[in-house]
Amino acid sequence: MGATIGTRFMTWWKGKLIGEDEFGNRYFQDKNGPRRWVIYADRPEASAVPADWHGWLHKTVEHPPVGDHRPKQPDFGIDHQTNPTGTVAAHFPAGSMNEGGQRQGTSGDYEAWSPDK
């Protein structure tokens, strides 16, 4: 999908490529200023930006995660995943309309609220 024609032009004119993540997202910085942005490899989804690049985009860390500044993944860490909401990989809990719509029965101590009481 990539970027709009306006973003592509602005990136070509003012942008400097800083790096690319493992998902193919490309990160840019303004040649003469502090502005930073990402051009997504797929659909524009903020959760597709890994934590290390998110820190650089939002100026939490000074250096982009490339070369010597690449953080090491801890042994207990898991790989980054984008938010699957709205995709075929989305989770549907039991009782949702996409899983048959049958909710779990309530216990005998449940009483629905009524404004007349």
C-alpha atoms as a PDB file:
ATOM      1  CA  MET A   1       0.000   0.000   0.000  1.00  0.00           C
ATOM      2  CA  GLY A   2       2.659   2.500   1.006  1.00  0.00           C
ATOM      3  CA  ALA A   3       2.055   6.225   1.133  1.00  0.00           C
ATOM      4  CA  THR A   4      -0.090   8.796  -0.622  1.00  0.00           C
ATOM      5  CA  ILE A   5       1.320  10.767  -3.534  1.00  0.00           C
ATOM      6  CA  GLY A   6       1.739  13.831  -1.277  1.00  0.00           C
ATOM      7  CA  THR A   7       3.709  11.857   1.310  1.00  0.00           C
ATOM      8  CA  ARG A   8       5.865  10.291  -1.402  1.00  0.00           C
ATOM      9  CA  PHE A   9       6.675  13.714  -2.840  1.00  0.00           C
ATOM     10  CA  MET A  10       7.439  15.202   0.584  1.00  0.00           C
ATOM     11  CA  THR A  11       9.610  12.183   1.431  1.00  0.00           C
ATOM     12  CA  TRP A  12      11.542  12.497  -1.839  1.00  0.00           C
ATOM     13  CA  TRP A  13      11.966  16.255  -1.412  1.00  0.00           C
ATOM     14  CA  LYS A  14      12.698  16.597   2.314  1.00  0.00           C
ATOM     15  CA  GLY A  15      13.217  13.117   3.683  1.00  0.00           C
ATOM     16  CA  LYS A  16      16.339  11.196   4.566  1.00  0.00           C
ATOM     17  CA  LEU A  17      16.016   7.411   4.900  1.00  0.00           C
ATOM     18  CA  ILE A  18      17.156   6.371   8.380  1.00  0.00           C
ATOM     19  CA  GLY A  19      16.382   2.675   8.335  1.00  0.00           C
ATOM     20  CA  GLU A  20      13.990  -0.181   7.769  1.00  0.00           C
ATOM     21  CA  ASP A  21      12.520  -2.686  10.220  1.00  0.00           C
ATOM     22  CA  GLU A  22      12.012  -6.425   9.815  1.00  0.00           C
ATOM     23  CA  PHE A  23       8.478  -5.852   8.478  1.00  0.00           C
ATOM     24  CA  GLY A  24       9.610  -3.623   5.604  1.00  0.00           C
ATOM     25  CA  ASN A  25       8.436  -0.333   7.160  1.00  0.00           C
ATOM     26  CA  ARG A  26      10.815   2.496   6.224  1.00  0.00           C
ATOM     27  CA  TYR A  27      11.689   5.325   8.616  1.00  0.00           C
ATOM     28  CA  PHE A  28      12.604   8.853   7.578  1.00  0.00           C
ATOM     29  CA  GLN A  29      13.778  12.083   9.128  1.00  0.00           C
ATOM     30  CA  ASP A  30      13.560  15.615   7.757  1.00  0.00           C
ATOM     31  CA  LYS A  31      16.918  16.609   6.215  1.00  0.00           C
ATOM     32  CA  ASN A  32      16.928  20.000   7.968  1.00  0.00           C
ATOM     33  CA  GLY A  33      14.682  19.462  10.956  1.00  0.00           C
ATOM     34  CA  PRO A  34      13.423  17.258  13.733  1.00  0.00           C
ATOM     35  CA  ARG A  35      10.425  15.689  11.952  1.00  0.00           C
ATOM     36  CA  ARG A  36      10.334  11.871  11.798  1.00  0.00           C
ATOM     37  CA  TRP A  37       7.874   9.583  10.023  1.00  0.00           C
ATOM     38  CA  VAL A  38       7.256   6.052   8.804  1.00  0.00           C
ATOM     39  CA  ILE A  39       6.071   4.716   5.464  1.00  0.00           C
ATOM     40  CA  TYR A  40       4.346   1.408   6.100  1.00  0.00           C
ATOM     41  CA  ALA A  41       5.088  -1.650   3.973  1.00  0.00           C
ATOM     42  CA  ASP A  42       1.461  -2.747   4.181  1.00  0.00           C
ATOM     43  CA  ARG A  43      -1.713  -1.040   5.411  1.00  0.00           C
ATOM     44  CA  PRO A  44      -1.105   1.998   7.642  1.00  0.00           C
ATOM     45  CA  GLU A  45      -1.409   0.508  11.110  1.00  0.00           C
ATOM     46  CA  ALA A  46       0.362   2.107  14.076  1.00  0.00           C
ATOM     47  CA  SER A  47       0.739  -1.243  15.852  1.00  0.00           C
ATOM     48  CA  ALA A  48       2.951  -2.399  12.948  1.00  0.00           C
ATOM     49  CA  VAL A  49       5.782  -0.240  14.336  1.00  0.00           C
ATOM     50  CA  PRO A  50       8.052  -2.263  16.666  1.00  0.00           C
ATOM     51  CA  ALA A  51       8.824  -0.824  20.108  1.00  0.00           C
ATOM     52  CA  ASP A  52      12.405   0.183  19.315  1.00  0.00           C
ATOM     53  CA  TRP A  53      11.331   2.218  16.258  1.00  0.00           C
ATOM     54  CA  HIS A  54       8.347   3.638  18.151  1.00  0.00           C
ATOM     55  CA  GLY A  55      10.751   5.074  20.726  1.00  0.00           C
ATOM     56  CA  TRP A  56      12.795   6.746  17.996  1.00  0.00           C
ATOM     57  CA  LEU A  57       9.726   8.120  16.151  1.00  0.00           C
ATOM     58  CA  HIS A  58       8.410   9.707  19.346  1.00  0.00           C
ATOM     59  CA  LYS A  59      11.840  10.983  20.409  1.00  0.00           C
ATOM     60  CA  THR A  60      11.999   8.831  23.517  1.00  0.00           C
ATOM     61  CA  VAL A  61      15.430   7.668  22.390  1.00  0.00           C
ATOM     62  CA  GLU A  62      17.940   9.816  20.517  1.00  0.00           C
ATOM     63  CA  HIS A  63      19.410   7.257  18.136  1.00  0.00           C
ATOM     64  CA  PRO A  64      17.477   5.076  15.685  1.00  0.00           C
ATOM     65  CA  PRO A  65      17.718   1.318  16.320  1.00  0.00           C
ATOM     66  CA  VAL A  66      20.271   0.595  13.587  1.00  0.00           C
ATOM     67  CA  GLY A  67      23.854  -0.632  13.789  1.00  0.00           C
ATOM     68  CA  ASP A  68      25.388  -0.301  17.260  1.00  0.00           C
ATOM     69  CA  HIS A  69      22.172   1.229  18.624  1.00  0.00           C
ATOM     70  CA  ARG A  70      20.066  -1.846  17.902  1.00  0.00           C
ATOM     71  CA  PRO A  71      18.666  -3.110  21.232  1.00  0.00           C
ATOM     72  CA  LYS A  72      19.139  -6.763  22.110  1.00  0.00           C
ATOM     73  CA  GLN A  73      15.998  -8.860  22.413  1.00  0.00           C
ATOM     74  CA  PRO A  74      15.819 -10.438  25.895  1.00  0.00           C
ATOM     75  CA  ASP A  75      15.711 -14.237  26.073  1.00  0.00           C
ATOM     76  CA  PHE A  76      12.156 -14.186  27.395  1.00  0.00           C
ATOM     77  CA  GLY A  77      10.953 -11.731  24.741  1.00  0.00           C
ATOM     78  CA  ILE A  78       8.458 -12.573  22.040  1.00  0.00           C
ATOM     79  CA  ASP A  79       8.425 -11.319  18.480  1.00  0.00           C
ATOM     80  CA  HIS A  80       6.431  -8.180  17.699  1.00  0.00           C
ATOM     81  CA  GLN A  81       2.970  -8.713  16.218  1.00  0.00           C
ATOM     82  CA  THR A  82       0.601  -6.162  14.747  1.00  0.00           C
ATOM     83  CA  ASN A  83      -2.911  -5.752  16.119  1.00  0.00           C
ATOM     84  CA  PRO A  84      -5.063  -8.349  14.287  1.00  0.00           C
ATOM     85  CA  THR A  85      -8.382  -6.537  14.864  1.00  0.00           C
ATOM     86  CA  GLY A  86     -10.364  -6.396  11.636  1.00  0.00           C
ATOM     87  CA  THR A  87      -8.379  -9.189  10.003  1.00  0.00           C
ATOM     88  CA  VAL A  88      -8.987 -12.923   9.657  1.00  0.00           C
ATOM     89  CA  ALA A  89      -6.529 -13.450  12.540  1.00  0.00           C
ATOM     90  CA  ALA A  90      -8.720 -11.493  14.982  1.00  0.00           C
ATOM     91  CA  HIS A  91      -9.791 -13.157  18.246  1.00  0.00           C
ATOM     92  CA  PHE A  92     -13.501 -13.684  18.825  1.00  0.00           C
ATOM     93  CA  PRO A  93     -14.431 -14.724  22.380  1.00  0.00           C
ATOM     94  CA  ALA A  94     -17.072 -17.330  23.103  1.00  0.00           C
ATOM     95  CA  GLY A  95     -20.524 -15.783  22.778  1.00  0.00           C
ATOM     96  CA  SER A  96     -19.581 -13.253  20.113  1.00  0.00           C
ATOM     97  CA  MET A  97     -21.743 -13.124  17.004  1.00  0.00           C
ATOM     98  CA  ASN A  98     -18.814 -14.427  14.956  1.00  0.00           C
ATOM     99  CA  GLU A  99     -18.602 -17.547  17.136  1.00  0.00           C
ATOM    100  CA  GLY A 100     -22.271 -18.570  16.952  1.00  0.00           C
ATOM    101  CA  GLY A 101     -23.705 -15.970  19.320  1.00  0.00           C
ATOM    102  CA  GLN A 102     -24.398 -18.408  22.188  1.00  0.00           C
ATOM    103  CA  ARG A 103     -23.483 -16.790  25.499  1.00  0.00           C
ATOM    104  CA  GLN A 104     -22.734 -18.740  28.625  1.00  0.00           C
ATOM    105  CA  GLY A 105     -25.778 -19.111  30.852  1.00  0.00           C
ATOM    106  CA  THR A 106     -26.035 -16.981  33.984  1.00  0.00           C
ATOM    107  CA  SER A 107     -26.186 -18.329  37.502  1.00  0.00           C
ATOM    108  CA  GLY A 108     -29.386 -18.301  39.558  1.00  0.00           C
ATOM    109  CA  ASP A 109     -28.299 -15.279  41.630  1.00  0.00           C
ATOM    110  CA  TYR A 110     -28.379 -12.881  38.678  1.00  0.00           C
ATOM    111  CA  GLU A 111     -31.195 -10.353  38.542  1.00  0.00           C
ATOM    112  CA  ALA A 112     -31.444  -7.821  35.735  1.00  0.00           C
ATOM    113  CA  TRP A 113     -31.589  -4.167  36.764  1.00  0.00           C
ATOM    114  CA  SER A 114     -34.925  -2.444  36.483  1.00  0.00           C
ATOM    115  CA  PRO A 115     -35.503   1.329  36.777  1.00  0.00           C
ATOM    116  CA  ASP A 116     -38.799   0.728  38.616  1.00  0.00           C
ATOM    117  CA  LYS A 117     -37.098  -0.582  41.770  1.00  0.00           C
END
